Amino acid sequence: MTQDRYLHKEELKTVAPLNLVDALSETEDSLVDALIAENIDLMKSYLQGRYDVEELFSKTGDSRDRILLKYLKDMVIHDLHMRYVRAKPQEALRQRYEDALSWLHNISRGYIQPLVSDSSSKEHSPRLGSHSRYSTRF
């Protein structure tokens, strides 16, 4: 297991037993890695307007945001399940996936600010600014 990835297959055990992950992925680690990468890209698309996503997803171990990690795991398990089952997903699984997307949407709109654990001095607050002021003279 390489140490430079944001999420490893073995860490999915907090949301699904690893034997279920293996069964759904047909023990193809490359499939799980691809789904992790796809869902990270999806999360980045929601977060990139307000946060440095490259720095956010380059973190490893305990420096990762636990809520972001939790929702990423939920999304990966949902995609694994949908790949295998093709029928309507279990209600709880579908709800967790929708919660993850709703959380990302609220972050992108500025309603929620994730708890970004960072040991550096770089600040992770939303980018603030305004449009230029225009004067009208009639």
Protein backbone atom coordinates (compact mmCIF):
# COMPACT_ATOMS: atom_id res chain seq x y z
CA MET A 1 0.00 0.00 0.00
CA THR A 2 1.55 3.29 -1.06
CA GLN A 3 1.46 6.03 1.52
CA ASP A 4 0.88 8.99 -0.79
CA ARG A 5 -2.79 8.42 -1.61
CA TYR A 6 -5.65 10.24 0.08
CA LEU A 7 -7.73 7.09 0.61
CA HIS A 8 -6.78 3.43 0.54
CA LYS A 9 -9.06 0.48 -0.09
CA GLU A 10 -8.35 -0.89 3.41
CA GLU A 11 -9.80 2.28 4.96
CA LEU A 12 -13.22 1.54 3.45
CA LYS A 13 -13.74 -0.94 6.31
CA THR A 14 -15.30 1.82 8.41
CA VAL A 15 -18.31 1.95 6.06
CA ALA A 16 -18.38 -1.63 4.70
CA PRO A 17 -16.67 -4.92 5.55
CA LEU A 18 -13.59 -5.49 3.39
CA ASN A 19 -14.93 -8.86 2.22
CA LEU A 20 -17.95 -6.99 0.78
CA VAL A 21 -15.62 -4.48 -0.91
CA ASP A 22 -13.65 -7.39 -2.36
CA ALA A 23 -16.83 -9.12 -3.54
CA LEU A 24 -18.22 -5.97 -5.16
CA SER A 25 -14.91 -5.14 -6.83
CA GLU A 26 -14.20 -8.78 -7.74
CA THR A 27 -10.94 -8.31 -5.77
CA GLU A 28 -9.66 -5.80 -8.34
CA ASP A 29 -7.79 -3.18 -6.38
CA SER A 30 -7.39 -1.13 -9.56
CA LEU A 31 -11.19 -0.82 -9.79
CA VAL A 32 -11.41 0.48 -6.23
CA ASP A 33 -8.53 2.87 -6.90
CA ALA A 34 -10.30 4.15 -10.04
CA LEU A 35 -13.55 4.73 -8.14
CA ILE A 36 -11.66 6.56 -5.39
CA ALA A 37 -9.98 8.78 -8.01
CA GLU A 38 -13.30 9.47 -9.79
CA ASN A 39 -15.02 10.46 -6.56
CA ILE A 40 -12.09 12.64 -5.49
CA ASP A 41 -12.41 14.44 -8.84
CA LEU A 42 -16.14 14.87 -8.20
CA MET A 43 -15.44 16.33 -4.77
CA LYS A 44 -12.78 18.62 -6.23
CA SER A 45 -15.29 19.98 -8.72
CA TYR A 46 -17.49 21.10 -5.83
CA LEU A 47 -14.69 22.44 -3.65
CA GLN A 48 -12.30 24.08 -6.11
CA GLY A 49 -14.01 27.47 -6.14
CA ARG A 50 -13.30 28.07 -2.45
CA TYR A 51 -10.45 25.77 -1.42
CA ASP A 52 -7.04 24.63 -2.58
CA VAL A 53 -8.17 21.15 -3.57
CA GLU A 54 -4.71 19.93 -4.56
CA GLU A 55 -3.44 20.62 -1.07
CA LEU A 56 -6.63 19.30 0.54
CA PHE A 57 -6.42 15.93 -1.23
CA SER A 58 -2.65 15.60 -0.96
CA LYS A 59 -2.90 15.10 2.80
CA THR A 60 -2.49 11.66 4.34
CA GLY A 61 -3.09 10.02 7.68
CA ASP A 62 -4.48 12.09 10.53
CA SER A 63 -4.01 15.39 8.71
CA ARG A 64 -7.01 14.61 6.45
CA ASP A 65 -10.39 16.16 7.11
CA ARG A 66 -12.44 13.35 8.69
CA ILE A 67 -15.81 14.52 7.39
CA LEU A 68 -14.49 14.85 3.84
CA LEU A 69 -12.98 11.37 4.18
CA LYS A 70 -16.24 9.93 5.52
CA TYR A 71 -18.26 11.26 2.61
CA LEU A 72 -15.65 10.08 0.12
CA LYS A 73 -15.90 6.57 1.55
CA ASP A 74 -19.71 6.67 1.33
CA MET A 75 -19.54 7.73 -2.31
CA VAL A 76 -17.03 5.00 -3.23
CA ILE A 77 -19.10 2.28 -1.54
CA HIS A 78 -22.23 3.58 -3.31
CA ASP A 79 -20.50 3.41 -6.69
CA LEU A 80 -19.18 -0.09 -5.99
CA HIS A 81 -22.65 -1.22 -5.01
CA MET A 82 -24.27 0.39 -8.06
CA ARG A 83 -21.71 -1.24 -10.37
CA TYR A 84 -22.58 -4.69 -9.07
CA VAL A 85 -26.27 -4.56 -8.25
CA ARG A 86 -27.69 -2.36 -11.06
CA ALA A 87 -31.04 -2.37 -9.27
CA LYS A 88 -32.31 0.28 -6.91
CA PRO A 89 -29.69 0.74 -4.19
CA GLN A 90 -30.50 0.08 -0.57
CA GLU A 91 -32.30 3.05 0.92
CA ALA A 92 -29.64 3.74 3.55
CA LEU A 93 -26.85 3.56 0.99
CA ARG A 94 -28.68 5.89 -1.39
CA GLN A 95 -29.39 8.35 1.43
CA ARG A 96 -25.73 8.43 2.51
CA TYR A 97 -24.69 9.15 -1.09
CA GLU A 98 -27.26 11.95 -1.40
CA ASP A 99 -26.12 13.37 1.95
CA ALA A 100 -22.55 13.47 0.65
CA LEU A 101 -23.60 15.31 -2.50
CA SER A 102 -25.76 17.71 -0.51
CA TRP A 103 -22.86 18.43 1.84
CA LEU A 104 -20.58 19.14 -1.12
CA HIS A 105 -23.21 21.39 -2.70
CA ASN A 106 -23.57 23.36 0.54
CA ILE A 107 -19.80 23.82 0.75
CA SER A 108 -19.64 25.03 -2.84
CA ARG A 109 -22.39 27.57 -2.10
CA GLY A 110 -20.60 28.78 1.04
CA TYR A 111 -23.24 27.56 3.50
CA ILE A 112 -20.82 25.16 5.20
CA GLN A 113 -17.09 25.48 5.82
CA PRO A 114 -15.40 22.11 6.32
CA LEU A 115 -13.07 21.64 9.23
CA VAL A 116 -9.79 21.59 7.38
CA SER A 117 -7.01 20.31 9.60
CA ASP A 118 -3.82 22.02 8.61
CA SER A 119 -0.55 22.22 10.48
CA SER A 120 0.87 24.89 8.16
CA SER A 121 0.28 28.59 8.52
CA LYS A 122 -1.67 28.74 5.26
CA GLU A 123 -5.26 29.78 5.84
CA HIS A 124 -8.10 27.81 4.26
CA SER A 125 -10.88 30.33 4.45
CA PRO A 126 -13.08 31.06 1.46
CA ARG A 127 -11.68 33.45 -1.11
CA LEU A 128 -13.32 36.78 -0.52
CA GLY A 129 -13.62 39.76 -2.77
CA SER A 130 -16.06 41.94 -4.60
CA HIS A 131 -16.69 43.27 -8.03
CA SER A 132 -15.37 46.67 -9.04
CA ARG A 133 -17.51 49.60 -8.09
CA TYR A 134 -19.21 51.37 -10.93
CA SER A 135 -20.55 54.86 -10.68
CA THR A 136 -23.40 56.08 -12.75
CA ARG A 137 -23.87 59.71 -13.66
CA PHE A 138 -27.14 60.72 -15.06
